[in-house]
C-alpha atoms as a PDB file:
ATOM      1  CA  MET A   1       0.000   0.000   0.000  1.00  0.00           C
ATOM      2  CA  THR A   2       2.944   2.362   0.530  1.00  0.00           C
ATOM      3  CA  GLN A   3       3.523   2.524  -3.216  1.00  0.00           C
ATOM      4  CA  VAL A   4      -0.161   3.150  -3.924  1.00  0.00           C
ATOM      5  CA  ILE A   5      -0.245   5.964  -1.354  1.00  0.00           C
ATOM      6  CA  GLY A   6       2.883   7.476  -2.871  1.00  0.00           C
ATOM      7  CA  GLU A   7       1.323   7.413  -6.330  1.00  0.00           C
ATOM      8  CA  ILE A   8      -1.891   9.028  -5.052  1.00  0.00           C
ATOM      9  CA  LEU A   9       0.029  11.861  -3.384  1.00  0.00           C
ATOM     10  CA  ALA A  10       2.194  12.356  -6.471  1.00  0.00           C
ATOM     11  CA  ARG A  11      -0.988  13.032  -8.444  1.00  0.00           C
ATOM     12  CA  ARG A  12      -3.011  14.726  -5.729  1.00  0.00           C
ATOM     13  CA  PRO A  13      -0.752  16.259  -3.064  1.00  0.00           C
ATOM     14  CA  ASP A  14      -3.850  17.933  -1.629  1.00  0.00           C
ATOM     15  CA  PHE A  15      -5.230  14.554  -0.527  1.00  0.00           C
ATOM     16  CA  LYS A  16      -4.951  13.734   3.164  1.00  0.00           C
ATOM     17  CA  ILE A  17      -4.276  10.035   3.752  1.00  0.00           C
ATOM     18  CA  ILE A  18      -4.240   8.300   7.131  1.00  0.00           C
ATOM     19  CA  ALA A  19      -3.184   4.657   7.479  1.00  0.00           C
ATOM     20  CA  ARG A  20      -4.858   2.836  10.354  1.00  0.00           C
ATOM     21  CA  THR A  21      -2.796  -0.289  10.887  1.00  0.00           C
ATOM     22  CA  ALA A  22      -1.383  -2.843  13.309  1.00  0.00           C
ATOM     23  CA  ALA A  23       1.878  -2.872  11.346  1.00  0.00           C
ATOM     24  CA  PRO A  24       4.891  -0.927  12.652  1.00  0.00           C
ATOM     25  CA  PRO A  25       5.434   2.526  11.085  1.00  0.00           C
ATOM     26  CA  ALA A  26       8.729   1.343   9.560  1.00  0.00           C
ATOM     27  CA  VAL A  27       6.738  -0.801   7.120  1.00  0.00           C
ATOM     28  CA  PHE A  28       5.371   2.380   5.566  1.00  0.00           C
ATOM     29  CA  GLN A  29       8.656   4.198   5.011  1.00  0.00           C
ATOM     30  CA  PRO A  30       9.275   6.654   3.405  1.00  0.00           C
ATOM     31  CA  LEU A  31       5.781   7.914   4.293  1.00  0.00           C
ATOM     32  CA  ALA A  32       5.652  10.442   7.101  1.00  0.00           C
ATOM     33  CA  ALA A  33       5.082   8.969  10.562  1.00  0.00           C
ATOM     34  CA  SER A  34       2.216  11.456  11.045  1.00  0.00           C
ATOM     35  CA  MET A  35       0.242   9.527   8.407  1.00  0.00           C
ATOM     36  CA  ILE A  36       0.376   6.269  10.397  1.00  0.00           C
ATOM     37  CA  GLU A  37      -1.946   5.534  13.319  1.00  0.00           C
ATOM     38  CA  PRO A  38      -2.204   2.334  15.394  1.00  0.00           C
ATOM     39  CA  SER A  39      -5.302   0.169  15.010  1.00  0.00           C
ATOM     40  CA  GLU A  40      -6.454  -3.347  15.860  1.00  0.00           C
ATOM     41  CA  ILE A  41      -8.602  -3.650  12.734  1.00  0.00           C
ATOM     42  CA  ASP A  42      -6.693  -6.625  11.266  1.00  0.00           C
ATOM     43  CA  CYS A  43      -6.201 -10.014  12.924  1.00  0.00           C
ATOM     44  CA  GLY A  44      -3.580 -11.559  10.644  1.00  0.00           C
ATOM     45  CA  MET A  45      -1.643 -14.718  11.468  1.00  0.00           C
ATOM     46  CA  VAL A  46       0.746 -15.958  14.132  1.00  0.00           C
ATOM     47  CA  GLU A  47       4.074 -17.276  12.882  1.00  0.00           C
ATOM     48  CA  ALA A  48       5.979 -19.971  14.750  1.00  0.00           C
ATOM     49  CA  ASP A  49       9.012 -18.917  12.703  1.00  0.00           C
ATOM     50  CA  PRO A  50       9.532 -17.112   9.364  1.00  0.00           C
ATOM     51  CA  LEU A  51       8.611 -20.273   7.449  1.00  0.00           C
ATOM     52  CA  THR A  52       5.767 -21.675   9.556  1.00  0.00           C
ATOM     53  CA  ILE A  53       2.297 -20.496  10.567  1.00  0.00           C
ATOM     54  CA  ASP A  54       1.274 -21.544  14.078  1.00  0.00           C
ATOM     55  CA  ALA A  55      -2.248 -22.721  13.247  1.00  0.00           C
ATOM     56  CA  GLU A  56      -3.347 -23.283  16.855  1.00  0.00           C
ATOM     57  CA  ARG A  57      -2.256 -19.841  18.062  1.00  0.00           C
ATOM     58  CA  THR A  58      -3.662 -18.225  14.909  1.00  0.00           C
ATOM     59  CA  LEU A  59      -7.089 -19.747  15.563  1.00  0.00           C
ATOM     60  CA  THR A  60      -6.949 -18.668  19.213  1.00  0.00           C
ATOM     61  CA  LYS A  61      -6.097 -15.137  18.105  1.00  0.00           C
ATOM     62  CA  LEU A  62      -8.892 -15.148  15.502  1.00  0.00           C
ATOM     63  CA  LEU A  63     -11.487 -16.360  18.029  1.00  0.00           C
ATOM     64  CA  ASP A  64     -10.468 -13.604  20.435  1.00  0.00           C
ATOM     65  CA  PHE A  65     -10.563 -11.062  17.600  1.00  0.00           C
ATOM     66  CA  MET A  66     -14.109 -12.072  16.674  1.00  0.00           C
ATOM     67  CA  LYS A  67     -15.197 -11.768  20.310  1.00  0.00           C
ATOM     68  CA  ARG A  68     -13.887  -8.192  20.278  1.00  0.00           C
ATOM     69  CA  ARG A  69     -15.170  -7.505  16.769  1.00  0.00           C
ATOM     70  CA  GLU A  70     -17.870  -5.050  17.830  1.00  0.00           C
ATOM     71  CA  ALA A  71     -15.532  -3.053  20.071  1.00  0.00           C
ATOM     72  CA  ILE A  72     -12.805  -2.892  17.414  1.00  0.00           C
ATOM     73  CA  ALA A  73     -15.273  -1.862  14.716  1.00  0.00           C
ATOM     74  CA  SER A  74     -16.802   0.790  17.001  1.00  0.00           C
ATOM     75  CA  THR A  75     -13.380   2.359  17.556  1.00  0.00           C
ATOM     76  CA  GLU A  76     -12.869   2.578  13.795  1.00  0.00           C
ATOM     77  CA  VAL A  77     -16.386   3.913  13.255  1.00  0.00           C
ATOM     78  CA  ASP A  78     -15.704   6.695  15.774  1.00  0.00           C
ATOM     79  CA  PHE A  79     -12.485   7.547  13.966  1.00  0.00           C
ATOM     80  CA  VAL A  80     -14.179   7.661  10.558  1.00  0.00           C
ATOM     81  CA  ARG A  81     -16.991   9.853  11.851  1.00  0.00           C
ATOM     82  CA  THR A  82     -14.405  12.274  13.254  1.00  0.00           C
ATOM     83  CA  ALA A  83     -12.026  12.235  10.279  1.00  0.00           C
ATOM     84  CA  ARG A  84     -14.856  12.231   7.693  1.00  0.00           C
ATOM     85  CA  PRO A  85     -12.922  10.609   4.827  1.00  0.00           C
ATOM     86  CA  GLU A  86     -14.315  10.382   1.328  1.00  0.00           C
ATOM     87  CA  LEU A  87     -13.215   6.766   0.967  1.00  0.00           C
ATOM     88  CA  ILE A  88     -11.957   3.752   2.935  1.00  0.00           C
ATOM     89  CA  ILE A  89      -9.245   1.596   1.335  1.00  0.00           C
ATOM     90  CA  SER A  90      -8.729  -1.852   2.838  1.00  0.00           C
ATOM     91  CA  ASP A  91      -5.618  -4.052   2.441  1.00  0.00           C
ATOM     92  CA  ILE A  92      -7.334  -6.264   3.393  1.00  0.00           C
ATOM     93  CA  PRO A  93      -9.049  -6.208   6.845  1.00  0.00           C
ATOM     94  CA  PHE A  94     -12.588  -7.543   6.517  1.00  0.00           C
ATOM     95  CA  LEU A  95     -13.841  -5.329   9.364  1.00  0.00           C
ATOM     96  CA  ALA A  96     -13.470  -2.392   6.988  1.00  0.00           C
ATOM     97  CA  GLY A  97     -16.745  -3.630   5.479  1.00  0.00           C
ATOM     98  CA  ASP A  98     -18.522  -3.263   8.823  1.00  0.00           C
ATOM     99  CA  VAL A  99     -17.082   0.239   9.256  1.00  0.00           C
ATOM    100  CA  SER A 100     -18.197   1.177   5.742  1.00  0.00           C
ATOM    101  CA  GLU A 101     -21.745  -0.045   6.353  1.00  0.00           C
ATOM    102  CA  ARG A 102     -22.097   1.792   9.669  1.00  0.00           C
ATOM    103  CA  THR A 103     -20.633   5.095   8.481  1.00  0.00           C
ATOM    104  CA  GLY A 104     -21.890   5.187   4.906  1.00  0.00           C
ATOM    105  CA  VAL A 105     -18.329   5.751   3.618  1.00  0.00           C
ATOM    106  CA  ARG A 106     -17.622   3.569   0.602  1.00  0.00           C
ATOM    107  CA  CYS A 107     -14.867   0.966   0.878  1.00  0.00           C
ATOM    108  CA  ILE A 108     -12.534  -0.433  -1.778  1.00  0.00           C
ATOM    109  CA  GLY A 109     -10.292  -3.446  -1.166  1.00  0.00           C
ATOM    110  CA  ILE A 110      -6.832  -3.922  -2.686  1.00  0.00           C
ATOM    111  CA  SER A 111      -5.241  -7.354  -2.374  1.00  0.00           C
ATOM    112  CA  ASN A 112      -4.252 -10.618  -3.984  1.00  0.00           C
ATOM    113  CA  PHE A 113      -6.158 -12.577  -1.312  1.00  0.00           C
ATOM    114  CA  SER A 114      -9.016 -12.415   1.160  1.00  0.00           C
ATOM    115  CA  TRP A 115      -8.708 -13.648   4.740  1.00  0.00           C
ATOM    116  CA  ASP A 116     -11.537 -16.167   4.456  1.00  0.00           C
ATOM    117  CA  TRP A 117      -9.540 -18.029   1.782  1.00  0.00           C
ATOM    118  CA  ILE A 118      -6.354 -17.948   3.876  1.00  0.00           C
ATOM    119  CA  TYR A 119      -8.095 -19.120   7.043  1.00  0.00           C
ATOM    120  CA  ASP A 120     -10.197 -21.719   5.194  1.00  0.00           C
ATOM    121  CA  GLU A 121      -6.996 -23.451   4.089  1.00  0.00           C
ATOM    122  CA  LEU A 122      -5.924 -23.815   7.724  1.00  0.00           C
ATOM    123  CA  PHE A 123      -9.193 -24.450   9.535  1.00  0.00           C
ATOM    124  CA  VAL A 124     -11.708 -25.789   7.008  1.00  0.00           C
ATOM    125  CA  ASP A 125     -12.285 -28.999   8.991  1.00  0.00           C
ATOM    126  CA  ASN A 126     -12.623 -27.231  12.344  1.00  0.00           C
ATOM    127  CA  PRO A 127     -16.306 -26.806  13.328  1.00  0.00           C
ATOM    128  CA  VAL A 128     -15.424 -23.897  15.625  1.00  0.00           C
ATOM    129  CA  TYR A 129     -14.131 -21.934  12.641  1.00  0.00           C
ATOM    130  CA  ARG A 130     -16.947 -22.559  10.130  1.00  0.00           C
ATOM    131  CA  PRO A 131     -19.334 -19.798  11.293  1.00  0.00           C
ATOM    132  CA  ILE A 132     -16.399 -17.358  11.393  1.00  0.00           C
ATOM    133  CA  SER A 133     -15.640 -18.030   7.730  1.00  0.00           C
ATOM    134  CA  ALA A 134     -19.182 -16.999   6.815  1.00  0.00           C
ATOM    135  CA  GLN A 135     -18.926 -13.847   8.944  1.00  0.00           C
ATOM    136  CA  ILE A 136     -15.683 -12.836   7.227  1.00  0.00           C
ATOM    137  CA  ARG A 137     -17.208 -13.302   3.773  1.00  0.00           C
ATOM    138  CA  ASP A 138     -20.298 -11.321   4.795  1.00  0.00           C
ATOM    139  CA  ALA A 139     -18.092  -8.438   5.951  1.00  0.00           C
ATOM    140  CA  TYR A 140     -16.227  -8.406   2.631  1.00  0.00           C
ATOM    141  CA  LEU A 141     -19.526  -8.309   0.754  1.00  0.00           C
ATOM    142  CA  LYS A 142     -20.086  -4.855   2.292  1.00  0.00           C
ATOM    143  CA  PHE A 143     -17.171  -3.508   0.229  1.00  0.00           C
ATOM    144  CA  ASP A 144     -18.132  -1.522  -2.845  1.00  0.00           C
ATOM    145  CA  HIS A 145     -15.626  -3.511  -4.911  1.00  0.00           C
ATOM    146  CA  LEU A 146     -12.099  -4.912  -4.829  1.00  0.00           C
ATOM    147  CA  LEU A 147      -8.984  -4.323  -6.924  1.00  0.00           C
ATOM    148  CA  GLU A 148      -7.486  -7.792  -7.338  1.00  0.00           C
ATOM    149  CA  LEU A 149      -3.721  -8.165  -7.683  1.00  0.00           C
ATOM    150  CA  PRO A 150      -2.107 -11.169  -9.436  1.00  0.00           C
ATOM    151  CA  PHE A 151      -0.905 -14.337  -7.673  1.00  0.00           C
ATOM    152  CA  GLY A 152      -3.691 -15.078  -5.223  1.00  0.00           C
ATOM    153  CA  LYS A 153      -7.368 -15.803  -4.700  1.00  0.00           C
ATOM    154  CA  ILE A 154     -10.388 -13.817  -3.511  1.00  0.00           C
ATOM    155  CA  GLY A 155     -13.061 -15.852  -1.729  1.00  0.00           C
ATOM    156  CA  PRO A 156     -16.205 -13.672  -1.586  1.00  0.00           C
ATOM    157  CA  LYS A 157     -18.194 -13.042  -4.761  1.00  0.00           C
ATOM    158  CA  LEU A 158     -18.016  -9.258  -4.667  1.00  0.00           C
ATOM    159  CA  PRO A 159     -17.393  -6.992  -7.685  1.00  0.00           C
ATOM    160  CA  ILE A 160     -13.758  -7.332  -8.725  1.00  0.00           C
ATOM    161  CA  GLN A 161     -11.522  -5.360 -11.050  1.00  0.00           C
ATOM    162  CA  GLN A 162      -8.213  -7.013 -11.876  1.00  0.00           C
ATOM    163  CA  VAL A 163      -5.178  -4.737 -11.758  1.00  0.00           C
ATOM    164  CA  PRO A 164      -1.494  -5.222 -12.641  1.00  0.00           C
ATOM    165  CA  LEU A 165       1.252  -6.263 -10.271  1.00  0.00           C
ATOM    166  CA  ILE A 166       2.430  -3.702  -7.721  1.00  0.00           C
ATOM    167  CA  ALA A 167       6.223  -3.482  -7.842  1.00  0.00           C
ATOM    168  CA  PRO A 168       8.682  -0.643  -7.238  1.00  0.00           C
ATOM    169  CA  GLN A 169       9.681   1.361 -10.296  1.00  0.00           C
ATOM    170  CA  ARG A 170      13.432   1.565 -10.770  1.00  0.00           C
ATOM    171  CA  ARG A 171      14.811   4.984  -9.825  1.00  0.00           C
ATOM    172  CA  ARG A 172      18.507   4.401 -10.459  1.00  0.00           C
ATOM    173  CA  GLU A 173      20.486   2.853 -13.290  1.00  0.00           C
ATOM    174  CA  LYS A 174      22.325  -0.401 -12.645  1.00  0.00           C
ATOM    175  CA  ASN A 175      25.770   1.171 -13.149  1.00  0.00           C
ATOM    176  CA  GLU A 176      24.987   3.810 -10.517  1.00  0.00           C
ATOM    177  CA  ILE A 177      23.896   1.122  -8.029  1.00  0.00           C
ATOM    178  CA  LEU A 178      27.016  -0.972  -8.724  1.00  0.00           C
ATOM    179  CA  SER A 179      29.207   2.081  -8.224  1.00  0.00           C
ATOM    180  CA  ARG A 180      27.607   2.854  -4.872  1.00  0.00           C
ATOM    181  CA  LEU A 181      28.216  -0.739  -3.795  1.00  0.00           C
ATOM    182  CA  GLY A 182      31.840  -0.637  -4.943  1.00  0.00           C
ATOM    183  CA  ILE A 183      31.235  -3.371  -7.521  1.00  0.00           C
ATOM    184  CA  SER A 184      33.042  -3.017 -10.828  1.00  0.00           C
ATOM    185  CA  SER A 185      30.842  -3.133 -13.921  1.00  0.00           C
ATOM    186  CA  ASP A 186      33.399  -5.629 -15.265  1.00  0.00           C
ATOM    187  CA  ASP A 187      32.767  -8.022 -12.366  1.00  0.00           C
ATOM    188  CA  ASN A 188      30.916 -10.867 -14.109  1.00  0.00           C
ATOM    189  CA  ARG A 189      30.323 -13.033 -11.075  1.00  0.00           C
ATOM    190  CA  PRO A 190      26.658 -13.998 -10.591  1.00  0.00           C
ATOM    191  CA  ARG A 191      25.183 -11.808  -7.851  1.00  0.00           C
ATOM    192  CA  VAL A 192      23.003 -13.498  -5.223  1.00  0.00           C
ATOM    193  CA  LEU A 193      20.802 -11.381  -2.940  1.00  0.00           C
ATOM    194  CA  PHE A 194      19.533 -12.707   0.384  1.00  0.00           C
ATOM    195  CA  GLY A 195      16.015 -11.330   0.748  1.00  0.00           C
ATOM    196  CA  THR A 196      14.539 -12.750   3.974  1.00  0.00           C
ATOM    197  CA  ARG A 197      14.393 -10.738   7.186  1.00  0.00           C
ATOM    198  CA  GLY A 198      15.571 -12.688  10.218  1.00  0.00           C
ATOM    199  CA  GLY A 199      15.482 -16.394  10.931  1.00  0.00           C
ATOM    200  CA  VAL A 200      18.977 -17.159   9.594  1.00  0.00           C
ATOM    201  CA  SER A 201      22.149 -16.875  11.660  1.00  0.00           C
ATOM    202  CA  PRO A 202      25.481 -15.355  10.541  1.00  0.00           C
ATOM    203  CA  GLN A 203      26.906 -18.883  10.618  1.00  0.00           C
ATOM    204  CA  VAL A 204      24.409 -19.976   7.971  1.00  0.00           C
ATOM    205  CA  LEU A 205      25.185 -16.954   5.803  1.00  0.00           C
ATOM    206  CA  ARG A 206      28.885 -17.702   6.125  1.00  0.00           C
ATOM    207  CA  ALA A 207      28.368 -21.341   5.121  1.00  0.00           C
ATOM    208  CA  ALA A 208      26.333 -20.292   2.074  1.00  0.00           C
ATOM    209  CA  SER A 209      29.032 -17.829   1.012  1.00  0.00           C
ATOM    210  CA  GLU A 210      31.813 -20.380   1.392  1.00  0.00           C
ATOM    211  CA  GLU A 211      29.853 -22.802  -0.817  1.00  0.00           C
ATOM    212  CA  LEU A 212      29.736 -20.219  -3.606  1.00  0.00           C
ATOM    213  CA  PRO A 213      33.270 -18.811  -3.977  1.00  0.00           C
ATOM    214  CA  ASP A 214      32.639 -17.935  -7.650  1.00  0.00           C
ATOM    215  CA  MET A 215      29.624 -15.761  -6.838  1.00  0.00           C
ATOM    216  CA  LEU A 216      29.040 -12.462  -5.019  1.00  0.00           C
ATOM    217  CA  LEU A 217      26.549 -12.638  -2.150  1.00  0.00           C
ATOM    218  CA  ILE A 218      24.763  -9.452  -1.126  1.00  0.00           C
ATOM    219  CA  PHE A 219      23.005  -9.056   2.216  1.00  0.00           C
ATOM    220  CA  PRO A 220      20.686  -6.119   3.088  1.00  0.00           C
ATOM    221  CA  HIS A 221      22.251  -5.588   6.519  1.00  0.00           C
ATOM    222  CA  ALA A 222      25.628  -5.278   8.206  1.00  0.00           C
ATOM    223  CA  LEU A 223      27.815  -8.399   8.336  1.00  0.00           C
ATOM    224  CA  PRO A 224      30.376  -9.666  10.849  1.00  0.00           C
ATOM    225  CA  ALA A 225      33.931  -8.641   9.995  1.00  0.00           C
ATOM    226  CA  ASP A 226      35.075 -12.226   9.414  1.00  0.00           C
ATOM    227  CA  MET A 227      32.688 -13.007   6.543  1.00  0.00           C
ATOM    228  CA  PRO A 228      34.204 -14.378   3.305  1.00  0.00           C
ATOM    229  CA  ARG A 229      35.526 -11.883   0.755  1.00  0.00           C
ATOM    230  CA  ASN A 230      32.743 -12.702  -1.714  1.00  0.00           C
ATOM    231  CA  THR A 231      30.125 -10.999   0.498  1.00  0.00           C
ATOM    232  CA  ILE A 232      28.786  -7.465   0.774  1.00  0.00           C
ATOM    233  CA  GLY A 233      26.650  -6.188   3.652  1.00  0.00           C
ATOM    234  CA  VAL A 234      24.553  -3.123   2.844  1.00  0.00           C
ATOM    235  CA  GLU A 235      22.866  -0.811   5.336  1.00  0.00           C
ATOM    236  CA  LEU A 236      19.689   0.181   3.511  1.00  0.00           C
ATOM    237  CA  SER A 237      18.717   3.827   3.197  1.00  0.00           C
ATOM    238  CA  PRO A 238      16.522   6.022   0.965  1.00  0.00           C
ATOM    239  CA  SER A 239      19.540   6.511  -1.309  1.00  0.00           C
ATOM    240  CA  LEU A 240      20.170   2.763  -1.635  1.00  0.00           C
ATOM    241  CA  ASP A 241      17.201   0.528  -0.889  1.00  0.00           C
ATOM    242  CA  PHE A 242      16.299  -3.126  -1.242  1.00  0.00           C
ATOM    243  CA  SER A 243      14.845  -2.618  -4.716  1.00  0.00           C
ATOM    244  CA  ASP A 244      18.213  -1.259  -5.854  1.00  0.00           C
ATOM    245  CA  LEU A 245      19.960  -4.396  -4.614  1.00  0.00           C
ATOM    246  CA  LEU A 246      17.431  -6.639  -6.342  1.00  0.00           C
ATOM    247  CA  ALA A 247      17.779  -4.735  -9.609  1.00  0.00           C
ATOM    248  CA  ILE A 248      21.484  -5.641  -9.905  1.00  0.00           C
ATOM    249  CA  SER A 249      21.083  -9.258  -8.742  1.00  0.00           C
ATOM    250  CA  ASP A 250      20.837 -12.465 -10.782  1.00  0.00           C
ATOM    251  CA  VAL A 251      19.222 -14.576  -8.051  1.00  0.00           C
ATOM    252  CA  VAL A 252      17.290 -13.810  -4.879  1.00  0.00           C
ATOM    253  CA  VAL A 253      17.139 -16.293  -1.996  1.00  0.00           C
ATOM    254  CA  SER A 254      13.939 -15.597  -0.081  1.00  0.00           C
ATOM    255  CA  LYS A 255      10.500 -16.686   1.042  1.00  0.00           C
ATOM    256  CA  LEU A 256       7.617 -16.445  -1.427  1.00  0.00           C
ATOM    257  CA  GLY A 257       6.389 -13.196   0.071  1.00  0.00           C
ATOM    258  CA  TYR A 258       4.273 -11.026  -2.208  1.00  0.00           C
ATOM    259  CA  GLY A 259       6.713  -8.110  -2.222  1.00  0.00           C
ATOM    260  CA  ILE A 260       9.696 -10.255  -3.202  1.00  0.00           C
ATOM    261  CA  VAL A 261       7.707 -12.172  -5.798  1.00  0.00           C
ATOM    262  CA  SER A 262       6.443  -8.946  -7.372  1.00  0.00           C
ATOM    263  CA  GLU A 263       9.914  -7.446  -7.618  1.00  0.00           C
ATOM    264  CA  CYS A 264      11.494 -10.617  -9.001  1.00  0.00           C
ATOM    265  CA  VAL A 265       8.812 -10.974 -11.662  1.00  0.00           C
ATOM    266  CA  ALA A 266       8.931  -7.295 -12.628  1.00  0.00           C
ATOM    267  CA  SER A 267      12.755  -7.211 -12.758  1.00  0.00           C
ATOM    268  CA  LYS A 268      13.227 -10.677 -14.293  1.00  0.00           C
ATOM    269  CA  VAL A 269      15.325 -11.940 -11.378  1.00  0.00           C
ATOM    270  CA  ARG A 270      15.435 -15.651 -10.530  1.00  0.00           C
ATOM    271  CA  LEU A 271      14.208 -16.839  -7.139  1.00  0.00           C
ATOM    272  CA  VAL A 272      15.331 -19.657  -4.844  1.00  0.00           C
ATOM    273  CA  TYR A 273      12.862 -20.246  -2.019  1.00  0.00           C
ATOM    274  CA  PRO A 274      12.296 -22.565   0.955  1.00  0.00           C
ATOM    275  CA  ARG A 275       8.778 -23.957   1.212  1.00  0.00           C
ATOM    276  CA  ARG A 276       6.610 -22.389   3.893  1.00  0.00           C
ATOM    277  CA  THR A 277       3.942 -24.148   5.980  1.00  0.00           C
ATOM    278  CA  GLY A 278       0.478 -22.664   6.387  1.00  0.00           C
ATOM    279  CA  PHE A 279       0.771 -19.961   3.711  1.00  0.00           C
ATOM    280  CA  ALA A 280      -2.061 -20.756   1.291  1.00  0.00           C
ATOM    281  CA  GLU A 281      -0.946 -18.202  -1.282  1.00  0.00           C
ATOM    282  CA  ASP A 282       2.399 -19.944  -1.882  1.00  0.00           C
ATOM    283  CA  ARG A 283       0.745 -22.727  -3.852  1.00  0.00           C
ATOM    284  CA  ILE A 284      -0.686 -20.277  -6.380  1.00  0.00           C
ATOM    285  CA  THR A 285       2.477 -18.190  -6.462  1.00  0.00           C
ATOM    286  CA  GLU A 286       4.567 -21.256  -7.287  1.00  0.00           C
ATOM    287  CA  SER A 287       2.331 -22.294 -10.158  1.00  0.00           C
ATOM    288  CA  GLN A 288       1.929 -18.834 -11.721  1.00  0.00           C
ATOM    289  CA  MET A 289       5.255 -17.134 -11.059  1.00  0.00           C
ATOM    290  CA  GLN A 290       7.361 -19.523 -13.097  1.00  0.00           C
ATOM    291  CA  ALA A 291       5.658 -18.373 -16.290  1.00  0.00           C
ATOM    292  CA  TYR A 292       7.683 -15.172 -15.912  1.00  0.00           C
ATOM    293  CA  VAL A 293      10.930 -16.048 -14.090  1.00  0.00           C
ATOM    294  CA  PRO A 294      12.754 -19.276 -13.179  1.00  0.00           C
ATOM    295  CA  ILE A 295      12.201 -20.404  -9.608  1.00  0.00           C
ATOM    296  CA  GLN A 296      13.741 -23.234  -7.620  1.00  0.00           C
ATOM    297  CA  GLU A 297      12.664 -24.691  -4.296  1.00  0.00           C
ATOM    298  CA  ILE A 298      15.450 -25.304  -1.806  1.00  0.00           C
ATOM    299  CA  PRO A 299      14.805 -27.994   0.830  1.00  0.00           C
ATOM    300  CA  ARG A 300      14.196 -26.317   4.170  1.00  0.00           C
ATOM    301  CA  GLU A 301      17.002 -28.225   5.858  1.00  0.00           C
ATOM    302  CA  ASN A 302      19.454 -27.028   3.199  1.00  0.00           C
ATOM    303  CA  TYR A 303      18.230 -23.452   3.476  1.00  0.00           C
ATOM    304  CA  LEU A 304      18.666 -23.409   7.243  1.00  0.00           C
ATOM    305  CA  ALA A 305      22.120 -25.017   7.008  1.00  0.00           C
ATOM    306  CA  GLY A 306      23.494 -22.667   4.334  1.00  0.00           C
ATOM    307  CA  ARG A 307      23.663 -25.386   1.693  1.00  0.00           C
ATOM    308  CA  TRP A 308      22.408 -23.127  -1.067  1.00  0.00           C
ATOM    309  CA  ALA A 309      24.848 -23.815  -3.875  1.00  0.00           C
ATOM    310  CA  HIS A 310      23.021 -26.661  -5.636  1.00  0.00           C
ATOM    311  CA  SER A 311      19.683 -24.823  -5.783  1.00  0.00           C
ATOM    312  CA  ILE A 312      21.265 -21.558  -6.918  1.00  0.00           C
ATOM    313  CA  ARG A 313      23.214 -23.265  -9.693  1.00  0.00           C
ATOM    314  CA  GLU A 314      20.053 -25.101 -10.764  1.00  0.00           C
ATOM    315  CA  VAL A 315      17.996 -21.921 -11.088  1.00  0.00           C
ATOM    316  CA  LEU A 316      20.805 -20.123 -12.943  1.00  0.00           C
ATOM    317  CA  ALA A 317      20.821 -22.931 -15.497  1.00  0.00           C
ATOM    318  CA  LYS A 318      17.124 -22.474 -16.293  1.00  0.00           C
ATOM    319  CA  PRO A 319      16.247 -20.318 -19.320  1.00  0.00           C
ATOM    320  CA  MET A 320      14.509 -17.017 -18.656  1.00  0.00           C
ATOM    321  CA  PRO A 321      10.896 -17.062 -19.960  1.00  0.00           C
ATOM    322  CA  THR A 322      10.055 -14.394 -22.508  1.00  0.00           C
ATOM    323  CA  ALA A 323       6.638 -13.662 -20.995  1.00  0.00           C
ATOM    324  CA  VAL A 324       6.322 -10.367 -19.122  1.00  0.00           C
ATOM    325  CA  ILE A 325       3.688  -9.004 -16.782  1.00  0.00           C
ATOM    326  CA  GLU A 326       2.543  -5.439 -16.279  1.00  0.00           C
ATOM    327  CA  ALA A 327       3.944  -4.050 -13.028  1.00  0.00           C
ATOM    328  CA  ASN A 328       2.310  -0.630 -12.868  1.00  0.00           C
ATOM    329  CA  GLY A 329      -0.361  -1.701 -10.403  1.00  0.00           C
ATOM    330  CA  ALA A 330       0.405   1.111  -7.942  1.00  0.00           C
ATOM    331  CA  GLN A 331      -0.255   3.714 -10.624  1.00  0.00           C
ATOM    332  CA  VAL A 332      -3.418   1.954 -11.849  1.00  0.00           C
ATOM    333  CA  CYS A 333      -4.787   1.619  -8.294  1.00  0.00           C
ATOM    334  CA  ALA A 334      -3.947   5.249  -7.483  1.00  0.00           C
ATOM    335  CA  GLU A 335      -5.731   6.571 -10.555  1.00  0.00           C
ATOM    336  CA  HIS A 336      -8.753   4.360  -9.858  1.00  0.00           C
ATOM    337  CA  ILE A 337      -8.958   5.574  -6.249  1.00  0.00           C
ATOM    338  CA  ILE A 338      -8.685   9.226  -7.286  1.00  0.00           C
ATOM    339  CA  ARG A 339     -11.473   8.823  -9.837  1.00  0.00           C
ATOM    340  CA  PHE A 340     -13.678   6.916  -7.406  1.00  0.00           C
ATOM    341  CA  SER A 341     -13.231   9.459  -4.605  1.00  0.00           C
ATOM    342  CA  GLN A 342     -14.440  12.402  -6.711  1.00  0.00           C
END
């Protein structure tokens, strides 16, 4: 949503946008902190680790959320009545539908999934969950319509408009990025970017680097001083961000998160990924993504041990598909929202 908000403000700087979210403000950088306000409107999931959903704790959290549904919605209704917005945009809390109905402010969803589909995959056989699934779908049906992104699934039968992929637009040329990183443009080593936040120790990163002496491994954070010479640690900043690192890479090693997938597809960068447990969207991403870029699963035990070489060499050997996908979804969504709000 950060990119969509940025595109809206680029076109209509007079618009006032407030993000009500449970996510930390850092997720919305470079948006001003004054635009971000805390809210409990989304339940989400509970992760046991970066690769595993804790289904039991997620269901417990969801049951508690539904018990507090009225109180949470009332807080958001009070906010909307005070702020008096022209439009509610949801990415993709279902309670936004309740708030829309009670305030009369129209609501648009933007997502590649709906929570009923995600939860159904985990809890479909649990009788405690079944009535909750229906309540979630009913809340979504209160949306005016939804802008559907690629690589996912929307459960409720509400009006849908398909939109292109949302991916960052390149701001810097590759030679400029290489220069800032101190990498010669004549350095022909394959460049491998590690794209997962947390969950992997420096020892694992060291083992992966030692397995790939003929490649350059790039990490989006500082590294210990004793790392192999074929590594670069980069402190990210507005002048050199993650998208810059991805743009000059040949392979990314990461989870199948939507942001990473979008950037890899848009930039034609190969992806090596460990399989996650409990993430329903990964199944669709796997099947659809490879039409645009080569992907290669790495066994979880190899990923966690730093034995990356075989999977990386396998994905590098795969031919790059010629098919491309539109990646101007942020611009398309922004223009749609501006038109709809007038």
